[in-house]
């Protein structure tokens, strides 16, 4: 039950609005050793096309594809039945194909490290790849079912990268954009697989960016459908002479074990502490110009992170400013046409279950923190897509007001939607860009995240220009 409670507490902007999670596997501690299940061994030893009888995970997959939610429902344990209804199971596969395209194929079933009885398979659709995670209890009942970003791609494996080595294919793909080194971000007993991407220049003179994820159990690439926002930024910033450090989020690697008390989720444990540790690691590596780049929830946390570590500046991409409950309700109204009434009711129930203490942390006083940031002369670049329905131009306006008040100025328009509040506080919005800074047209929807896109070059130029400029104007941070 704890993992189910945890998932409802920390599901947020991207995961709720995409409606990809059917329910969360409620398993054992993610720090336990992997235990292979009989059905996993059978599936891996025998090619799917040669099997006479379907294994349990194959049966679950077949029922989902056939829209046979009634049969699957009665294969689930009592806790799962309380979390989902037959109608939702009937429509889950159709909802996936509406977003990701028609089903193409799926891979072998493999054990999921850290959760007893859990297996997963990567599933290929026409426009995206995902993974189906199934948890079986000791009696063979389905005790967990989840749709996730695909594993074994982009340096992400089933245990969030618990193995020391990332995939060779991943390293080869990135080699052209700079040197790639595997490392780990350590915060107390939590160890997170990470990748350092850097150009050929020496570390002392090279600025480095620490990437901070949005909400949800993100991998180091911040994969959303076929898009890998942090990996793309890492490669393209490397071509501009900027290094970067990205890591698997603690909630991805450890699940409920990411928190000292899973019933009392904190923002520090979810996001802030590991970003501070990553910045400290970069300092130990020899980097002297360190920047924090956050996206979505990570952008809102960037000022809080900067107050705890030495940094030459922060970049906030799609930074929420309004109360979280208000934003979630607005998002659910937008995605409602794409989901069944039953699914929407589940999402609203999940939003209502978010602990008040966690909401208070997320909804911190923006003006007060902006005053602290301005008082410490920490440079800030705030970027916003004007088609973003999750974090909107209203949020952008709140940040402008907060930093303008903190700097004692109204700010001045310089070019269209660009605002220079003072020499160190710069804001810019981009017509046509969505939450992941991809171009689109018409009414925004979660379906467009399933289309492969690319961040416009102007965004990369704005980020790299800010980083190089502030590296020269400000002394290196001391960690």
Protein backbone atom coordinates (compact mmCIF):
# COMPACT_ATOMS: atom_id res chain seq x y z
CA UNK A 1 0.00 0.00 0.00
CA UNK A 2 2.84 2.39 0.71
CA UNK A 3 4.01 2.51 -2.90
CA UNK A 4 0.45 3.18 -4.04
CA UNK A 5 0.21 6.10 -1.60
CA UNK A 6 3.61 7.38 -2.66
CA UNK A 7 2.80 7.33 -6.35
CA UNK A 8 -0.35 9.36 -5.78
CA UNK A 9 1.63 11.84 -3.71
CA UNK A 10 4.32 12.57 -6.23
CA UNK A 11 2.50 12.08 -9.55
CA UNK A 12 2.30 15.52 -11.01
CA UNK A 13 2.30 17.63 -14.07
CA UNK A 14 3.66 15.31 -16.77
CA UNK A 15 2.54 11.95 -15.45
CA UNK A 16 -1.01 12.94 -14.55
CA UNK A 17 -1.64 14.92 -17.71
CA UNK A 18 -0.30 12.21 -20.00
CA UNK A 19 -2.51 9.66 -18.20
CA UNK A 20 -0.04 6.87 -18.90
CA UNK A 21 -0.11 5.33 -15.44
CA UNK A 22 -2.88 2.80 -14.90
CA UNK A 23 -1.80 2.02 -11.37
CA UNK A 24 1.49 1.78 -9.55
CA UNK A 25 3.14 -1.48 -8.64
CA UNK A 26 2.99 -1.75 -4.88
CA UNK A 27 6.02 -3.88 -4.20
CA UNK A 28 8.75 -4.40 -1.67
CA UNK A 29 11.77 -2.22 -1.03
CA UNK A 30 13.62 -1.34 -4.22
CA UNK A 31 16.89 -1.99 -2.43
CA UNK A 32 16.23 -5.74 -2.19
CA UNK A 33 18.09 -8.15 -4.44
CA UNK A 34 16.32 -9.18 -7.66
CA UNK A 35 14.43 -12.44 -7.55
CA UNK A 36 13.70 -13.99 -10.88
CA UNK A 37 10.17 -15.32 -11.26
CA UNK A 38 9.40 -18.65 -13.00
CA UNK A 39 7.37 -16.94 -15.69
CA UNK A 40 10.30 -14.64 -16.47
CA UNK A 41 12.74 -17.50 -16.92
CA UNK A 42 10.35 -19.40 -19.20
CA UNK A 43 9.74 -16.40 -21.43
CA UNK A 44 13.43 -15.56 -21.82
CA UNK A 45 14.42 -19.13 -22.60
CA UNK A 46 11.73 -19.70 -25.21
CA UNK A 47 11.13 -17.29 -28.09
CA UNK A 48 7.60 -15.92 -27.99
CA UNK A 49 6.75 -17.29 -31.42
CA UNK A 50 7.64 -20.85 -30.32
CA UNK A 51 5.74 -20.91 -27.03
CA UNK A 52 2.88 -23.39 -26.86
CA UNK A 53 1.32 -21.80 -23.79
CA UNK A 54 1.32 -18.13 -22.92
CA UNK A 55 3.16 -17.10 -19.77
CA UNK A 56 1.27 -15.01 -17.18
CA UNK A 57 2.68 -11.67 -18.41
CA UNK A 58 1.81 -12.60 -22.01
CA UNK A 59 -1.75 -13.28 -20.91
CA UNK A 60 -1.98 -9.89 -19.21
CA UNK A 61 -0.62 -8.17 -22.32
CA UNK A 62 -3.05 -10.04 -24.58
CA UNK A 63 -6.01 -9.08 -22.39
CA UNK A 64 -4.97 -5.44 -22.48
CA UNK A 65 -4.57 -5.48 -26.28
CA UNK A 66 -7.97 -7.18 -26.68
CA UNK A 67 -9.68 -4.67 -24.40
CA UNK A 68 -10.75 -7.55 -22.16
CA UNK A 69 -10.70 -5.63 -18.92
CA UNK A 70 -13.26 -7.85 -17.22
CA UNK A 71 -11.08 -10.96 -17.33
CA UNK A 72 -7.98 -9.00 -16.34
CA UNK A 73 -9.85 -7.37 -13.47
CA UNK A 74 -10.49 -10.74 -11.87
CA UNK A 75 -6.80 -11.65 -12.22
CA UNK A 76 -5.94 -8.67 -9.98
CA UNK A 77 -5.70 -8.68 -6.19
CA UNK A 78 -8.10 -6.74 -3.96
CA UNK A 79 -5.87 -3.65 -3.66
CA UNK A 80 -5.60 -3.28 -7.41
CA UNK A 81 -9.37 -3.70 -7.82
CA UNK A 82 -9.84 -0.78 -5.42
CA UNK A 83 -7.53 1.38 -7.53
CA UNK A 84 -8.98 0.67 -10.99
CA UNK A 85 -12.25 -0.40 -12.57
CA UNK A 86 -13.11 -2.69 -15.50
CA UNK A 87 -13.94 0.22 -17.79
CA UNK A 88 -10.48 1.72 -17.32
CA UNK A 89 -8.81 -1.59 -18.10
CA UNK A 90 -11.04 -2.01 -21.18
CA UNK A 91 -9.95 1.34 -22.57
CA UNK A 92 -6.30 1.47 -21.50
CA UNK A 93 -4.81 -0.01 -24.67
CA UNK A 94 -6.97 2.11 -26.96
CA UNK A 95 -5.89 5.20 -25.04
CA UNK A 96 -2.23 4.23 -25.48
CA UNK A 97 -2.58 3.67 -29.23
CA UNK A 98 -4.42 6.98 -29.58
CA UNK A 99 -1.34 8.70 -28.17
CA UNK A 100 1.52 6.51 -29.41
CA UNK A 101 0.21 4.93 -32.61
CA UNK A 102 -0.61 1.30 -33.40
CA UNK A 103 1.10 -1.53 -31.53
CA UNK A 104 4.08 -2.98 -33.44
CA UNK A 105 5.86 -5.50 -31.20
CA UNK A 106 7.22 -6.14 -27.73
CA UNK A 107 10.44 -7.54 -26.32
CA UNK A 108 11.31 -10.32 -23.90
CA UNK A 109 9.96 -10.29 -20.37
CA UNK A 110 12.65 -9.50 -17.83
CA UNK A 111 12.77 -9.32 -14.06
CA UNK A 112 12.45 -5.85 -12.53
CA UNK A 113 15.20 -5.46 -9.89
CA UNK A 114 14.10 -4.48 -6.42
CA UNK A 115 10.46 -5.60 -6.63
CA UNK A 116 9.67 -9.25 -5.97
CA UNK A 117 7.49 -10.85 -8.65
CA UNK A 118 7.85 -7.91 -11.04
CA UNK A 119 8.52 -8.30 -14.78
CA UNK A 120 8.58 -5.85 -17.64
CA UNK A 121 8.70 -5.77 -21.43
CA UNK A 122 9.49 -2.91 -23.80
CA UNK A 123 6.60 -2.27 -26.18
CA UNK A 124 7.05 -0.64 -29.57
CA UNK A 125 4.26 1.49 -31.04
CA UNK A 126 4.33 3.34 -34.36
CA UNK A 127 5.31 6.68 -32.77
CA UNK A 128 6.82 5.77 -29.41
CA UNK A 129 8.28 3.06 -27.23
CA UNK A 130 7.03 2.30 -23.72
CA UNK A 131 7.35 -0.44 -21.14
CA UNK A 132 4.70 -2.54 -19.44
CA UNK A 133 5.55 -3.41 -15.82
CA UNK A 134 3.51 -6.16 -14.12
CA UNK A 135 3.83 -7.31 -10.51
CA UNK A 136 2.57 -10.77 -9.49
CA UNK A 137 2.02 -11.69 -5.85
CA UNK A 138 2.94 -15.04 -4.33
CA UNK A 139 -0.38 -16.51 -5.46
CA UNK A 140 0.04 -15.37 -9.07
CA UNK A 141 -2.48 -12.52 -8.85
CA UNK A 142 -1.65 -9.18 -10.50
CA UNK A 143 -0.70 -6.84 -7.65
CA UNK A 144 0.62 -4.02 -9.80
CA UNK A 145 0.36 -2.77 -13.37
CA UNK A 146 2.07 0.24 -14.87
CA UNK A 147 2.87 1.87 -18.21
CA UNK A 148 6.28 3.57 -18.13
CA UNK A 149 8.95 5.05 -20.43
CA UNK A 150 10.83 2.23 -22.16
CA UNK A 151 13.88 0.69 -20.52
CA UNK A 152 17.23 -0.32 -22.04
CA UNK A 153 17.22 2.86 -24.13
CA UNK A 154 19.08 6.11 -23.73
CA UNK A 155 21.18 4.70 -20.91
CA UNK A 156 18.12 3.73 -18.85
CA UNK A 157 17.68 0.19 -17.59
CA UNK A 158 15.10 -1.56 -15.49
CA UNK A 159 16.69 -0.68 -12.19
CA UNK A 160 17.11 2.96 -13.13
CA UNK A 161 20.74 2.31 -13.99
CA UNK A 162 21.73 0.36 -10.86
CA UNK A 163 24.36 -1.40 -12.91
CA UNK A 164 27.55 0.63 -13.07
CA UNK A 165 27.70 0.67 -16.84
CA UNK A 166 25.33 2.45 -19.18
CA UNK A 167 24.68 0.89 -22.57
CA UNK A 168 27.52 1.03 -25.06
CA UNK A 169 25.09 2.04 -27.77
CA UNK A 170 24.04 5.06 -25.69
CA UNK A 171 27.64 6.15 -25.20
CA UNK A 172 28.41 5.73 -28.89
CA UNK A 173 25.44 7.86 -29.90
CA UNK A 174 26.56 10.66 -27.62
CA UNK A 175 30.26 10.46 -28.41
CA UNK A 176 29.92 12.84 -31.34
CA UNK A 177 28.55 15.58 -29.06
CA UNK A 178 31.33 15.34 -26.48
CA UNK A 179 33.03 12.94 -24.10
CA UNK A 180 30.68 10.88 -21.94
CA UNK A 181 31.67 9.55 -18.55
CA UNK A 182 29.65 7.37 -16.22
CA UNK A 183 29.53 8.45 -12.59
CA UNK A 184 27.21 8.40 -9.58
CA UNK A 185 25.51 11.09 -7.56
CA UNK A 186 25.63 10.16 -3.88
CA UNK A 187 23.30 11.60 -1.23
CA UNK A 188 23.63 9.71 2.01
CA UNK A 189 22.66 6.10 1.35
CA UNK A 190 21.09 6.93 -2.02
CA UNK A 191 23.32 6.37 -5.04
CA UNK A 192 22.10 7.51 -8.47
CA UNK A 193 23.57 6.49 -11.86
CA UNK A 194 24.68 9.57 -13.78
CA UNK A 195 26.30 10.66 -17.04
CA UNK A 196 28.74 13.54 -17.45
CA UNK A 197 28.82 14.91 -21.01
CA UNK A 198 31.62 17.38 -21.68
CA UNK A 199 33.45 19.04 -24.59
CA UNK A 200 37.17 18.60 -25.10
CA UNK A 201 38.22 21.74 -23.18
CA UNK A 202 39.53 21.58 -19.61
CA UNK A 203 37.08 21.51 -16.73
CA UNK A 204 38.30 24.61 -14.90
CA UNK A 205 37.31 26.88 -17.79
CA UNK A 206 34.29 24.84 -18.96
CA UNK A 207 30.88 25.67 -17.46
CA UNK A 208 28.77 22.70 -16.38
CA UNK A 209 24.99 22.39 -16.09
CA UNK A 210 23.21 20.22 -13.51
CA UNK A 211 19.87 19.00 -14.93
CA UNK A 212 16.94 18.82 -12.48
CA UNK A 213 13.89 16.77 -13.53
CA UNK A 214 10.22 17.56 -13.55
CA UNK A 215 7.90 15.64 -11.26
CA UNK A 216 7.49 11.89 -11.46
CA UNK A 217 10.10 9.08 -11.50
CA UNK A 218 12.16 10.41 -14.42
CA UNK A 219 15.27 8.83 -15.86
CA UNK A 220 18.47 10.77 -16.53
CA UNK A 221 17.28 11.71 -20.05
CA UNK A 222 13.88 12.94 -18.79
CA UNK A 223 12.24 10.68 -21.37
CA UNK A 224 8.70 11.59 -22.40
CA UNK A 225 7.44 9.30 -25.13
CA UNK A 226 10.10 9.24 -27.86
CA UNK A 227 11.59 12.53 -26.63
CA UNK A 228 14.59 12.77 -24.32
CA UNK A 229 14.78 16.41 -23.30
CA UNK A 230 17.84 16.29 -21.04
CA UNK A 231 19.82 14.06 -23.36
CA UNK A 232 19.14 16.40 -26.27
CA UNK A 233 20.14 19.43 -24.21
CA UNK A 234 23.32 17.66 -23.04
CA UNK A 235 24.43 16.83 -26.58
CA UNK A 236 23.62 20.22 -28.05
CA UNK A 237 25.10 22.24 -25.20
CA UNK A 238 28.30 20.19 -25.51
CA UNK A 239 28.59 21.45 -29.08
CA UNK A 240 28.52 24.98 -27.59
CA UNK A 241 31.36 24.21 -25.18
CA UNK A 242 29.19 23.45 -22.14
CA UNK A 243 29.38 20.31 -20.01
CA UNK A 244 26.39 18.76 -18.23
CA UNK A 245 25.61 16.23 -15.51
CA UNK A 246 22.36 14.28 -15.52
CA UNK A 247 21.21 11.45 -13.29
CA UNK A 248 18.31 9.08 -12.70
CA UNK A 249 15.83 10.54 -10.25
CA UNK A 250 15.79 9.00 -6.80
CA UNK A 251 12.12 8.01 -7.08
CA UNK A 252 12.93 6.03 -10.25
CA UNK A 253 15.83 4.13 -8.70
CA UNK A 254 14.46 3.50 -5.22
CA UNK A 255 10.68 3.79 -5.44
CA UNK A 256 9.24 4.08 -1.91
CA UNK A 257 12.75 3.65 -0.54
CA UNK A 258 13.55 7.14 -1.83
CA UNK A 259 12.06 8.63 1.34
CA UNK A 260 12.90 8.25 5.01
CA UNK A 261 9.14 7.93 5.58
CA UNK A 262 7.08 7.08 2.43
CA UNK A 263 4.00 8.48 4.15
CA UNK A 264 5.70 11.87 4.56
CA UNK A 265 7.11 12.74 1.16
CA UNK A 266 9.34 15.83 1.10
CA UNK A 267 10.45 18.01 -1.78
CA UNK A 268 14.03 17.91 -0.51
CA UNK A 269 14.16 14.11 -0.72
CA UNK A 270 12.37 14.00 -4.06
CA UNK A 271 14.41 16.65 -5.87
CA UNK A 272 16.50 19.23 -4.01
CA UNK A 273 19.01 17.16 -2.04
CA UNK A 274 20.24 15.14 -5.03
CA UNK A 275 20.68 18.26 -7.18
CA UNK A 276 22.80 19.82 -4.42
CA UNK A 277 24.86 16.59 -4.30
CA UNK A 278 25.26 16.66 -8.09
CA UNK A 279 26.56 20.25 -7.93
CA UNK A 280 29.01 19.23 -5.22
CA UNK A 281 30.17 16.32 -7.38
CA UNK A 282 30.78 18.66 -10.31
CA UNK A 283 32.90 20.86 -8.04
CA UNK A 284 34.96 17.88 -6.93
CA UNK A 285 35.47 16.97 -10.58
CA UNK A 286 37.19 20.31 -11.14
CA UNK A 287 34.41 22.43 -12.65
CA UNK A 288 34.45 26.02 -11.42
CA UNK A 289 31.41 27.45 -13.21
CA UNK A 290 28.32 25.49 -12.16
CA UNK A 291 24.75 26.17 -13.32
CA UNK A 292 21.43 24.61 -12.30
CA UNK A 293 18.95 23.93 -15.11
CA UNK A 294 15.52 22.77 -13.99
CA UNK A 295 12.48 21.78 -16.03
CA UNK A 296 8.89 21.99 -14.73
CA UNK A 297 8.99 21.04 -11.03
CA UNK A 298 12.79 21.08 -11.30
CA UNK A 299 12.58 24.68 -12.53
CA UNK A 300 10.49 25.67 -9.51
CA UNK A 301 13.10 23.98 -7.30
CA UNK A 302 16.08 25.62 -9.04
CA UNK A 303 16.05 28.76 -6.80
CA UNK A 304 15.80 26.57 -3.68
CA UNK A 305 18.74 24.48 -4.90
CA UNK A 306 20.79 27.60 -5.68
CA UNK A 307 20.31 28.83 -2.11
CA UNK A 308 22.00 25.65 -0.85
CA UNK A 309 25.01 25.45 -3.17
CA UNK A 310 27.44 27.71 -4.93
CA UNK A 311 26.29 28.39 -8.49
CA UNK A 312 26.99 30.87 -11.26
CA UNK A 313 23.32 30.93 -12.26
CA UNK A 314 20.06 29.09 -12.72
CA UNK A 315 17.98 28.33 -15.82
CA UNK A 316 14.27 27.76 -15.23
CA UNK A 317 12.41 26.09 -18.11
CA UNK A 318 8.59 26.00 -17.78
CA UNK A 319 8.68 26.96 -14.11
CA UNK A 320 5.34 26.59 -12.28
CA UNK A 321 4.33 29.45 -9.99
CA UNK A 322 0.62 28.97 -9.28
CA UNK A 323 -0.67 26.64 -6.53
CA UNK A 324 -0.21 23.01 -7.53
CA UNK A 325 -3.84 22.05 -6.92
CA UNK A 326 -5.01 24.88 -9.17
CA UNK A 327 -2.63 23.82 -11.95
CA UNK A 328 -3.63 20.16 -11.73
CA UNK A 329 -7.32 20.99 -11.95
CA UNK A 330 -6.70 23.16 -15.02
CA UNK A 331 -4.67 20.39 -16.67
CA UNK A 332 -7.31 17.76 -15.96
CA UNK A 333 -9.95 19.93 -17.62
CA UNK A 334 -7.76 20.03 -20.73
CA UNK A 335 -7.04 16.28 -20.85
CA UNK A 336 -10.58 15.25 -19.91
CA UNK A 337 -11.71 14.77 -23.55
CA UNK A 338 -8.90 12.23 -24.06
CA UNK A 339 -9.89 10.00 -21.13
CA UNK A 340 -12.89 8.09 -19.82
CA UNK A 341 -14.95 9.52 -16.93
CA UNK A 342 -13.68 6.70 -14.75
CA UNK A 343 -10.06 7.57 -15.49
CA UNK A 344 -10.67 11.24 -14.80
CA UNK A 345 -12.28 10.39 -11.49
CA UNK A 346 -9.19 8.38 -10.55
CA UNK A 347 -6.92 11.26 -11.49
CA UNK A 348 -8.95 13.69 -9.42
CA UNK A 349 -8.87 11.31 -6.47
CA UNK A 350 -5.10 11.04 -6.84
CA UNK A 351 -4.77 14.83 -6.84
CA UNK A 352 -6.91 15.07 -3.72
CA UNK A 353 -4.66 12.55 -1.96
CA UNK A 354 -1.52 14.69 -2.28
CA UNK A 355 -0.41 15.46 1.30
CA UNK A 356 -0.92 19.02 2.50
CA UNK A 357 2.65 19.21 3.80
CA UNK A 358 4.04 18.37 0.35
CA UNK A 359 1.77 20.95 -1.31
CA UNK A 360 2.99 23.60 1.13
CA UNK A 361 6.59 22.89 0.13
CA UNK A 362 5.83 23.00 -3.60
CA UNK A 363 3.77 26.17 -3.23
CA UNK A 364 6.50 28.14 -1.45
CA UNK A 365 6.48 31.97 -1.46
CA UNK A 366 7.94 32.89 -4.87
CA UNK A 367 8.50 36.55 -3.94
CA UNK A 368 10.38 35.71 -0.77
CA UNK A 369 12.70 33.29 -2.58
CA UNK A 370 13.16 35.72 -5.50
CA UNK A 371 14.29 38.36 -2.99
CA UNK A 372 16.88 35.96 -1.57
CA UNK A 373 18.15 35.06 -5.05
CA UNK A 374 18.39 38.73 -6.06
CA UNK A 375 20.10 39.57 -2.77
CA UNK A 376 22.77 36.95 -3.45
CA UNK A 377 23.29 38.23 -7.03
CA UNK A 378 22.54 34.82 -8.53
CA UNK A 379 21.83 35.24 -12.28
CA UNK A 380 18.52 33.81 -13.50
CA UNK A 381 17.24 32.86 -16.98
CA UNK A 382 13.52 32.00 -17.15
CA UNK A 383 12.23 30.40 -20.38
CA UNK A 384 8.61 29.64 -21.25
CA UNK A 385 6.75 28.06 -24.15
CA UNK A 386 3.62 30.04 -25.02
CA UNK A 387 1.65 26.89 -26.00
CA UNK A 388 2.40 25.15 -22.72
CA UNK A 389 -0.92 24.10 -21.13
CA UNK A 390 0.74 22.67 -18.02
CA UNK A 391 2.82 25.68 -17.02
CA UNK A 392 1.32 28.73 -18.66
CA UNK A 393 2.10 32.35 -19.43
CA UNK A 394 0.27 33.17 -16.19
CA UNK A 395 3.05 31.38 -14.30
CA UNK A 396 5.61 33.27 -16.39
CA UNK A 397 3.92 36.53 -15.36
CA UNK A 398 4.03 35.61 -11.67
CA UNK A 399 7.77 35.02 -11.88
CA UNK A 400 8.22 38.35 -13.65
CA UNK A 401 6.32 40.16 -10.92
CA UNK A 402 8.28 38.37 -8.18
CA UNK A 403 11.72 39.13 -9.59
CA UNK A 404 10.75 42.67 -10.60
CA UNK A 405 9.64 43.39 -7.04
CA UNK A 406 12.78 41.73 -5.67
CA UNK A 407 14.97 43.94 -7.86
CA UNK A 408 12.92 47.09 -7.27
CA UNK A 409 11.99 47.54 -10.91
CA UNK A 410 9.02 46.93 -13.20
CA UNK A 411 11.26 45.32 -15.80
CA UNK A 412 11.45 46.51 -19.37
CA UNK A 413 10.33 44.86 -22.59
CA UNK A 414 13.26 44.53 -24.95
CA UNK A 415 12.11 42.29 -27.78
CA UNK A 416 8.55 41.04 -27.93
CA UNK A 417 8.08 38.61 -25.05
CA UNK A 418 11.66 39.08 -23.81
CA UNK A 419 12.12 40.84 -20.47
CA UNK A 420 15.30 42.06 -18.84
CA UNK A 421 14.47 42.78 -15.21
CA UNK A 422 18.06 43.72 -14.45
CA UNK A 423 21.43 42.66 -15.79
CA UNK A 424 21.22 39.29 -14.02
CA UNK A 425 17.49 38.43 -14.35
CA UNK A 426 16.42 37.60 -17.90
CA UNK A 427 13.10 36.17 -19.08
CA UNK A 428 11.98 35.02 -22.50
CA UNK A 429 8.95 33.22 -23.94
CA UNK A 430 8.64 31.45 -27.29
CA UNK A 431 5.53 31.48 -29.51
CA UNK A 432 4.36 28.01 -30.52
CA UNK A 433 6.44 25.99 -28.04
CA UNK A 434 4.89 23.51 -25.60
CA UNK A 435 5.92 22.16 -22.19
CA UNK A 436 8.92 20.27 -23.57
CA UNK A 437 9.84 23.22 -25.84
CA UNK A 438 8.75 21.62 -29.08
CA UNK A 439 6.92 23.49 -31.81
CA UNK A 440 3.23 22.85 -32.35
CA UNK A 441 0.03 24.34 -33.69
CA UNK A 442 -3.58 24.53 -32.61
CA UNK A 443 -4.94 23.53 -29.23
CA UNK A 444 -2.24 21.81 -27.14
CA UNK A 445 -2.84 18.27 -25.90
CA UNK A 446 -0.90 15.42 -24.25
CA UNK A 447 -0.92 13.51 -27.56
CA UNK A 448 1.76 15.77 -29.03
CA UNK A 449 4.31 14.56 -26.47
CA UNK A 450 4.19 11.20 -28.23
CA UNK A 451 5.52 12.78 -31.44
CA UNK A 452 9.28 12.99 -31.86
CA UNK A 453 10.36 16.63 -31.81
CA UNK A 454 13.39 18.87 -31.47
CA UNK A 455 14.13 21.91 -29.36
CA UNK A 456 14.58 24.95 -31.65
CA UNK A 457 18.12 26.21 -32.06
CA UNK A 458 17.18 29.63 -30.67
CA UNK A 459 16.44 28.07 -27.27
CA UNK A 460 19.87 26.40 -27.26
CA UNK A 461 21.52 29.69 -28.25
CA UNK A 462 19.70 31.57 -25.48
CA UNK A 463 20.75 29.02 -22.85
CA UNK A 464 24.37 28.74 -23.98
CA UNK A 465 24.69 32.51 -24.37
CA UNK A 466 23.44 33.06 -20.82
CA UNK A 467 25.81 30.44 -19.42
CA UNK A 468 28.91 31.74 -21.18
CA UNK A 469 28.05 35.35 -20.38
CA UNK A 470 27.49 34.73 -16.68
CA UNK A 471 30.57 32.52 -16.43
CA UNK A 472 32.68 35.48 -17.53
CA UNK A 473 30.86 38.11 -15.45
CA UNK A 474 30.71 36.27 -12.15
CA UNK A 475 33.41 34.55 -10.08
CA UNK A 476 33.22 30.79 -9.91
CA UNK A 477 30.91 29.34 -7.30
CA UNK A 478 32.46 27.83 -4.20
CA UNK A 479 31.02 24.48 -3.16
